[in-house]
Amino acid sequence: MQDFERRNLDLKIEYKKLYFSVRTAGLGKTSEQWCQEIKEEKIKADRWERKFQEAQMRNEALERSLSESRNEKGELKARVAELEKTLHQY
């Protein structure tokens, strides 16, 4: 009887191994391959996040530059108006 129980347990273990093997084969990848793919996707996501942050910083710098240029343009217009007024006075 003990031999039968051990053989039955061995068969159950073998069944579980085959079950998980079939499951894994159905996905086409082992858990190690999935872990590797997840790692690679995280690296890609980090790379895109850095690119996004760099683009955002460039955009902010351009907005500051545009604002400064507009301020300078306003100051120059005011200076031109002042000079024209002075010119017309003479």
N, C-alpha and C. Protein backbone atom coordinates (compact mmCIF):
# COMPACT_ATOMS: atom_id res chain seq x y z
N MET A 1 0.82 -1.19 0.00
CA MET A 1 0.00 0.00 0.00
C MET A 1 0.87 1.26 0.00
N GLN A 2 1.93 1.22 0.75
CA GLN A 2 2.81 2.38 0.83
C GLN A 2 3.43 2.68 -0.53
N ASP A 3 3.78 1.68 -1.26
CA ASP A 3 4.34 1.84 -2.60
C ASP A 3 3.32 2.50 -3.52
N PHE A 4 2.08 2.10 -3.39
CA PHE A 4 1.00 2.68 -4.20
C PHE A 4 0.84 4.17 -3.90
N GLU A 5 0.88 4.55 -2.61
CA GLU A 5 0.74 5.95 -2.21
C GLU A 5 1.90 6.79 -2.73
N ARG A 6 3.10 6.24 -2.63
CA ARG A 6 4.28 6.97 -3.13
C ARG A 6 4.18 7.15 -4.64
N ARG A 7 3.77 6.09 -5.33
CA ARG A 7 3.62 6.18 -6.79
C ARG A 7 2.52 7.17 -7.15
N ASN A 8 1.45 7.17 -6.40
CA ASN A 8 0.35 8.11 -6.62
C ASN A 8 0.83 9.55 -6.42
N LEU A 9 1.62 9.77 -5.37
CA LEU A 9 2.17 11.10 -5.10
C LEU A 9 3.11 11.52 -6.23
N ASP A 10 3.95 10.59 -6.69
CA ASP A 10 4.86 10.87 -7.81
C ASP A 10 4.08 11.26 -9.05
N LEU A 11 2.98 10.56 -9.30
CA LEU A 11 2.15 10.89 -10.46
C LEU A 11 1.51 12.27 -10.33
N LYS A 12 1.08 12.61 -9.13
CA LYS A 12 0.49 13.94 -8.89
C LYS A 12 1.53 15.03 -9.14
N ILE A 13 2.73 14.79 -8.63
CA ILE A 13 3.81 15.77 -8.83
C ILE A 13 4.13 15.90 -10.31
N GLU A 14 4.22 14.77 -10.99
CA GLU A 14 4.50 14.79 -12.43
C GLU A 14 3.39 15.51 -13.19
N TYR A 15 2.15 15.27 -12.78
CA TYR A 15 1.01 15.94 -13.41
C TYR A 15 1.12 17.46 -13.24
N LYS A 16 1.45 17.91 -12.03
CA LYS A 16 1.59 19.35 -11.79
C LYS A 16 2.71 19.94 -12.64
N LYS A 17 3.82 19.21 -12.73
CA LYS A 17 4.93 19.69 -13.57
C LYS A 17 4.48 19.83 -15.02
N LEU A 18 3.80 18.79 -15.51
CA LEU A 18 3.33 18.84 -16.90
C LEU A 18 2.30 19.94 -17.10
N TYR A 19 1.43 20.12 -16.12
CA TYR A 19 0.40 21.16 -16.19
C TYR A 19 1.05 22.54 -16.33
N PHE A 20 2.02 22.82 -15.46
CA PHE A 20 2.68 24.12 -15.53
C PHE A 20 3.54 24.25 -16.78
N SER A 21 4.11 23.14 -17.22
CA SER A 21 4.89 23.15 -18.45
C SER A 21 4.00 23.49 -19.64
N VAL A 22 2.83 22.87 -19.70
CA VAL A 22 1.89 23.15 -20.79
C VAL A 22 1.41 24.59 -20.70
N ARG A 23 1.14 25.05 -19.49
CA ARG A 23 0.70 26.44 -19.32
C ARG A 23 1.76 27.40 -19.82
N THR A 24 2.99 27.14 -19.40
CA THR A 24 4.10 28.00 -19.82
C THR A 24 4.29 27.93 -21.33
N ALA A 25 4.22 26.73 -21.87
CA ALA A 25 4.39 26.56 -23.32
C ALA A 25 3.29 27.27 -24.07
N GLY A 26 2.10 27.29 -23.50
CA GLY A 26 0.99 28.00 -24.13
C GLY A 26 1.26 29.48 -24.24
N LEU A 27 1.96 30.01 -23.26
CA LEU A 27 2.31 31.43 -23.30
C LEU A 27 3.51 31.66 -24.20
N GLY A 28 4.25 30.61 -24.44
CA GLY A 28 5.40 30.72 -25.31
C GLY A 28 6.66 31.19 -24.62
N LYS A 29 6.58 31.44 -23.31
CA LYS A 29 7.76 31.94 -22.61
C LYS A 29 7.84 31.32 -21.22
N THR A 30 9.06 31.18 -20.76
CA THR A 30 9.27 30.73 -19.38
C THR A 30 9.16 31.94 -18.48
N SER A 31 9.09 31.68 -17.19
CA SER A 31 9.00 32.80 -16.25
C SER A 31 10.25 33.68 -16.34
N GLU A 32 11.40 33.06 -16.60
CA GLU A 32 12.64 33.84 -16.75
C GLU A 32 12.55 34.76 -17.97
N GLN A 33 11.97 34.23 -19.05
CA GLN A 33 11.82 35.05 -20.26
C GLN A 33 10.85 36.20 -20.01
N TRP A 34 9.77 35.91 -19.28
CA TRP A 34 8.83 36.99 -18.94
C TRP A 34 9.51 38.04 -18.08
N CYS A 35 10.30 37.59 -17.11
CA CYS A 35 11.03 38.54 -16.25
C CYS A 35 11.97 39.40 -17.08
N GLN A 36 12.66 38.78 -18.04
CA GLN A 36 13.57 39.52 -18.91
C GLN A 36 12.81 40.54 -19.75
N GLU A 37 11.66 40.12 -20.29
CA GLU A 37 10.86 41.04 -21.10
C GLU A 37 10.35 42.21 -20.27
N ILE A 38 9.91 41.92 -19.05
CA ILE A 38 9.44 42.99 -18.16
C ILE A 38 10.58 43.95 -17.86
N LYS A 39 11.77 43.41 -17.60
CA LYS A 39 12.95 44.25 -17.33
C LYS A 39 13.24 45.15 -18.52
N GLU A 40 13.20 44.59 -19.73
CA GLU A 40 13.47 45.37 -20.94
C GLU A 40 12.41 46.45 -21.14
N GLU A 41 11.16 46.13 -20.87
CA GLU A 41 10.09 47.12 -21.03
C GLU A 41 10.22 48.24 -20.00
N LYS A 42 10.67 47.91 -18.79
CA LYS A 42 10.90 48.95 -17.78
C LYS A 42 12.02 49.88 -18.23
N ILE A 43 13.07 49.31 -18.82
CA ILE A 43 14.18 50.12 -19.33
C ILE A 43 13.67 51.06 -20.42
N LYS A 44 12.84 50.53 -21.33
CA LYS A 44 12.27 51.37 -22.39
C LYS A 44 11.40 52.48 -21.80
N ALA A 45 10.59 52.12 -20.81
CA ALA A 45 9.71 53.11 -20.19
C ALA A 45 10.53 54.21 -19.52
N ASP A 46 11.61 53.82 -18.84
CA ASP A 46 12.49 54.81 -18.20
C ASP A 46 13.12 55.72 -19.25
N ARG A 47 13.55 55.14 -20.37
CA ARG A 47 14.16 55.92 -21.45
C ARG A 47 13.15 56.95 -21.99
N TRP A 48 11.91 56.50 -22.24
CA TRP A 48 10.89 57.42 -22.75
C TRP A 48 10.54 58.49 -21.71
N GLU A 49 10.56 58.12 -20.43
CA GLU A 49 10.30 59.10 -19.38
C GLU A 49 11.38 60.18 -19.38
N ARG A 50 12.65 59.76 -19.52
CA ARG A 50 13.74 60.74 -19.58
C ARG A 50 13.60 61.64 -20.80
N LYS A 51 13.26 61.05 -21.95
CA LYS A 51 13.07 61.86 -23.17
C LYS A 51 11.95 62.86 -22.97
N PHE A 52 10.87 62.42 -22.33
CA PHE A 52 9.74 63.30 -22.07
C PHE A 52 10.17 64.45 -21.16
N GLN A 53 10.90 64.14 -20.09
CA GLN A 53 11.35 65.18 -19.17
C GLN A 53 12.30 66.16 -19.86
N GLU A 54 13.18 65.65 -20.72
CA GLU A 54 14.08 66.53 -21.47
C GLU A 54 13.29 67.44 -22.39
N ALA A 55 12.30 66.89 -23.08
CA ALA A 55 11.47 67.70 -23.98
C ALA A 55 10.70 68.74 -23.18
N GLN A 56 10.23 68.35 -22.00
CA GLN A 56 9.49 69.28 -21.16
C GLN A 56 10.40 70.43 -20.70
N MET A 57 11.64 70.11 -20.35
CA MET A 57 12.59 71.16 -19.94
C MET A 57 12.89 72.09 -21.10
N ARG A 58 13.08 71.52 -22.32
CA ARG A 58 13.32 72.37 -23.49
C ARG A 58 12.12 73.27 -23.75
N ASN A 59 10.93 72.72 -23.61
CA ASN A 59 9.71 73.49 -23.82
C ASN A 59 9.63 74.64 -22.82
N GLU A 60 9.92 74.36 -21.56
CA GLU A 60 9.89 75.41 -20.53
C GLU A 60 10.93 76.49 -20.83
N ALA A 61 12.12 76.09 -21.29
CA ALA A 61 13.16 77.06 -21.63
C ALA A 61 12.71 77.92 -22.80
N LEU A 62 12.08 77.31 -23.80
CA LEU A 62 11.58 78.07 -24.95
C LEU A 62 10.48 79.04 -24.54
N GLU A 63 9.62 78.60 -23.63
CA GLU A 63 8.56 79.49 -23.15
C GLU A 63 9.14 80.69 -22.40
N ARG A 64 10.18 80.44 -21.58
CA ARG A 64 10.84 81.56 -20.88
C ARG A 64 11.48 82.51 -21.89
N SER A 65 12.15 81.94 -22.88
CA SER A 65 12.80 82.75 -23.90
C SER A 65 11.77 83.58 -24.67
N LEU A 66 10.65 82.96 -25.01
CA LEU A 66 9.58 83.67 -25.71
C LEU A 66 9.04 84.81 -24.86
N SER A 67 8.84 84.54 -23.59
CA SER A 67 8.35 85.57 -22.68
C SER A 67 9.34 86.73 -22.57
N GLU A 68 10.62 86.40 -22.45
CA GLU A 68 11.65 87.44 -22.38
C GLU A 68 11.69 88.25 -23.68
N SER A 69 11.56 87.57 -24.82
CA SER A 69 11.57 88.26 -26.11
C SER A 69 10.37 89.20 -26.22
N ARG A 70 9.22 88.74 -25.76
CA ARG A 70 8.03 89.60 -25.80
C ARG A 70 8.21 90.82 -24.90
N ASN A 71 8.81 90.60 -23.73
CA ASN A 71 9.07 91.74 -22.84
C ASN A 71 10.02 92.72 -23.50
N GLU A 72 11.08 92.18 -24.10
CA GLU A 72 12.05 93.04 -24.78
C GLU A 72 11.39 93.78 -25.94
N LYS A 73 10.53 93.09 -26.68
CA LYS A 73 9.82 93.73 -27.80
C LYS A 73 8.96 94.88 -27.28
N GLY A 74 8.28 94.64 -26.16
CA GLY A 74 7.46 95.70 -25.56
C GLY A 74 8.31 96.89 -25.14
N GLU A 75 9.45 96.61 -24.54
CA GLU A 75 10.35 97.68 -24.11
C GLU A 75 10.87 98.45 -25.32
N LEU A 76 11.23 97.73 -26.40
CA LEU A 76 11.73 98.39 -27.60
C LEU A 76 10.66 99.25 -28.26
N LYS A 77 9.41 98.75 -28.28
CA LYS A 77 8.31 99.55 -28.84
C LYS A 77 8.13 100.84 -28.04
N ALA A 78 8.21 100.69 -26.73
CA ALA A 78 8.06 101.87 -25.87
C ALA A 78 9.21 102.84 -26.13
N ARG A 79 10.41 102.33 -26.30
CA ARG A 79 11.58 103.18 -26.57
C ARG A 79 11.44 103.87 -27.92
N VAL A 80 10.97 103.13 -28.96
CA VAL A 80 10.76 103.72 -30.28
C VAL A 80 9.72 104.84 -30.19
N ALA A 81 8.64 104.58 -29.47
CA ALA A 81 7.59 105.60 -29.31
C ALA A 81 8.16 106.83 -28.62
N GLU A 82 8.98 106.61 -27.62
CA GLU A 82 9.59 107.72 -26.89
C GLU A 82 10.52 108.51 -27.81
N LEU A 83 11.31 107.79 -28.62
CA LEU A 83 12.23 108.47 -29.54
C LEU A 83 11.46 109.23 -30.62
N GLU A 84 10.36 108.62 -31.13
CA GLU A 84 9.55 109.32 -32.14
C GLU A 84 8.94 110.58 -31.55
N LYS A 85 8.50 110.50 -30.31
CA LYS A 85 7.92 111.67 -29.65
C LYS A 85 8.98 112.77 -29.50
N THR A 86 10.18 112.36 -29.11
CA THR A 86 11.27 113.32 -28.96
C THR A 86 11.61 113.93 -30.32
N LEU A 87 11.63 113.11 -31.37
CA LEU A 87 11.94 113.58 -32.71
C LEU A 87 10.91 114.59 -33.20
N HIS A 88 9.64 114.32 -32.92
CA HIS A 88 8.57 115.24 -33.36
C HIS A 88 8.58 116.55 -32.59
N GLN A 89 9.18 116.55 -31.43
CA GLN A 89 9.24 117.78 -30.64
C GLN A 89 10.26 118.75 -31.24
N TYR A 90 11.19 118.27 -32.00
CA TYR A 90 12.21 119.15 -32.57
C TYR A 90 11.85 119.55 -33.92
